[in-house]
Amino acid sequence: MTVAELKQELKAYNYETLTGGDDSVAERCLQKAELWVRAKVRKCGVEPDLNDEIVKEALKKRFLYELYSYAENEDIAKDKKHDAIDILRSYYGNCVDKDSATGQQGGSATVKGDPVVHVKPGSDGWKGFK
């Protein structure tokens, strides 16, 4: 994926505003996005295929996050960050959220893991319900 391809994701004046007209800013944001995708997917024990359409979409979202974050537009950036992790999680599973040191799921409240359900069986002595 190239900066030229990613420029198409933004209106020209937005790109100009976010980068200050400096393509090296966008190149650095793309590098950071690629590193992030690689790091997340490696937690699953695989190397990401950056040509895969789903991985490309996650990469685009993370690029946009990095770009908006660089321009200090965190309110706009945060939804891009969540979209990127959601795309990777839907494709690779919850392993992208694992803590590398412990192997456990991340402790963040924003992490969406597998649902946890616990059903306690009824008893005969509970007001007639079983």
Protein backbone atom coordinates (compact mmCIF):
# COMPACT_ATOMS: atom_id res chain seq x y z
CA MET A 1 0.00 0.00 0.00
CA THR A 2 1.31 3.44 -0.87
CA VAL A 3 0.69 6.97 0.31
CA ALA A 4 -0.76 7.76 -3.12
CA GLU A 5 -3.41 5.04 -2.64
CA LEU A 6 -4.17 6.28 0.85
CA LYS A 7 -4.54 9.88 -0.31
CA GLN A 8 -7.69 8.71 -2.07
CA GLU A 9 -9.25 8.00 1.33
CA LEU A 10 -9.28 11.73 2.13
CA LYS A 11 -10.41 14.89 0.46
CA ALA A 12 -7.45 16.83 -0.91
CA TYR A 13 -7.90 19.76 1.47
CA ASN A 14 -8.14 17.40 4.49
CA TYR A 15 -4.93 15.65 3.44
CA GLU A 16 -3.22 19.02 3.00
CA THR A 17 -4.40 20.19 6.42
CA LEU A 18 -3.45 16.97 8.22
CA THR A 19 0.01 16.66 6.69
CA GLY A 20 0.82 20.32 6.25
CA GLY A 21 1.54 19.47 2.61
CA ASP A 22 4.43 17.19 3.64
CA ASP A 23 4.15 13.69 2.15
CA SER A 24 6.83 12.47 4.56
CA VAL A 25 4.28 12.87 7.37
CA ALA A 26 1.93 10.49 5.54
CA GLU A 27 4.79 8.08 4.82
CA ARG A 28 5.69 7.95 8.52
CA CYS A 29 2.02 7.41 9.45
CA LEU A 30 1.87 4.54 6.94
CA GLN A 31 5.03 2.99 8.42
CA LYS A 32 3.57 3.24 11.92
CA ALA A 33 0.29 1.69 10.74
CA GLU A 34 2.13 -1.22 9.09
CA LEU A 35 4.18 -1.84 12.23
CA TRP A 36 1.03 -1.81 14.33
CA VAL A 37 -0.76 -4.30 12.05
CA ARG A 38 2.29 -6.59 12.01
CA ALA A 39 2.59 -6.47 15.80
CA LYS A 40 -1.09 -7.22 16.37
CA VAL A 41 -1.25 -10.11 13.90
CA ARG A 42 2.02 -11.68 15.08
CA LYS A 43 0.33 -12.22 18.43
CA CYS A 44 -1.76 -14.77 16.52
CA GLY A 45 1.37 -16.56 15.36
CA VAL A 46 1.11 -15.51 11.71
CA GLU A 47 2.67 -12.93 9.43
CA PRO A 48 0.04 -10.58 7.95
CA ASP A 49 -0.54 -10.59 4.22
CA LEU A 50 -0.54 -6.86 3.49
CA ASN A 51 -2.11 -7.57 0.08
CA ASP A 52 -5.17 -9.22 1.62
CA GLU A 53 -8.23 -6.95 1.25
CA ILE A 54 -9.27 -7.24 4.89
CA VAL A 55 -5.77 -6.52 6.18
CA LYS A 56 -5.55 -3.58 3.76
CA GLU A 57 -8.77 -2.17 5.20
CA ALA A 58 -7.41 -2.45 8.75
CA LEU A 59 -4.19 -0.82 7.55
CA LYS A 60 -6.16 2.06 5.99
CA LYS A 61 -8.08 2.62 9.22
CA ARG A 62 -4.89 2.59 11.29
CA PHE A 63 -3.20 4.95 8.79
CA LEU A 64 -6.10 7.37 9.15
CA TYR A 65 -5.84 7.06 12.93
CA GLU A 66 -2.11 7.85 12.82
CA LEU A 67 -2.69 10.79 10.49
CA TYR A 68 -5.50 12.35 12.51
CA SER A 69 -3.60 11.66 15.72
CA TYR A 70 -0.53 13.39 14.28
CA ALA A 71 -2.69 16.43 13.59
CA GLU A 72 -4.00 16.22 17.18
CA ASN A 73 -7.56 15.40 16.17
CA GLU A 74 -8.01 12.63 18.73
CA ASP A 75 -11.80 12.82 18.73
CA ILE A 76 -11.86 11.95 15.04
CA ALA A 77 -8.90 9.56 15.31
CA LYS A 78 -10.24 7.28 18.03
CA ASP A 79 -13.03 5.73 15.95
CA LYS A 80 -10.48 4.84 13.27
CA LYS A 81 -8.37 3.09 15.91
CA HIS A 82 -11.34 1.05 17.11
CA ASP A 83 -12.32 0.19 13.53
CA ALA A 84 -8.80 -1.09 12.77
CA ILE A 85 -8.68 -3.42 15.78
CA ASP A 86 -12.25 -4.60 15.15
CA ILE A 87 -11.37 -5.53 11.56
CA LEU A 88 -8.28 -7.47 12.65
CA ARG A 89 -10.19 -9.14 15.47
CA SER A 90 -12.96 -10.24 13.11
CA TYR A 91 -10.41 -11.74 10.71
CA TYR A 92 -7.83 -13.25 13.07
CA GLY A 93 -9.81 -13.66 16.28
CA ASN A 94 -9.20 -12.38 19.77
CA CYS A 95 -5.53 -13.35 19.67
CA VAL A 96 -4.79 -9.83 18.39
CA ASP A 97 -5.71 -8.55 21.87
CA LYS A 98 -3.42 -10.87 23.80
CA ASP A 99 -0.74 -9.37 26.02
CA SER A 100 2.59 -10.58 24.62
CA ALA A 101 4.14 -10.96 28.06
CA THR A 102 1.34 -12.92 29.73
CA GLY A 103 -0.51 -14.49 26.80
CA GLN A 104 -3.75 -13.27 28.41
CA GLN A 105 -6.45 -11.15 26.84
CA GLY A 106 -5.86 -7.43 27.19
CA GLY A 107 -7.30 -5.75 30.25
CA SER A 108 -8.70 -2.71 28.48
CA ALA A 109 -12.39 -2.03 28.94
CA THR A 110 -12.65 -1.37 25.21
CA VAL A 111 -11.43 -4.84 24.28
CA LYS A 112 -14.27 -6.99 23.04
CA GLY A 113 -13.52 -10.64 23.70
CA ASP A 114 -15.58 -13.75 23.40
CA PRO A 115 -18.79 -13.53 25.41
CA VAL A 116 -18.65 -15.14 28.82
CA VAL A 117 -21.78 -16.91 29.99
CA HIS A 118 -22.34 -18.73 33.24
CA VAL A 119 -25.63 -20.43 33.95
CA LYS A 120 -26.37 -21.65 37.44
CA PRO A 121 -28.84 -24.51 37.59
CA GLY A 122 -32.04 -23.94 39.52
CA SER A 123 -32.96 -25.73 42.73
CA ASP A 124 -36.17 -27.26 44.01
CA GLY A 125 -36.26 -24.99 47.04
CA TRP A 126 -36.17 -21.64 45.29
CA LYS A 127 -39.76 -20.39 45.45
CA GLY A 128 -40.98 -23.09 43.11
CA PHE A 129 -38.70 -22.24 40.21
CA LYS A 130 -36.36 -24.69 38.66
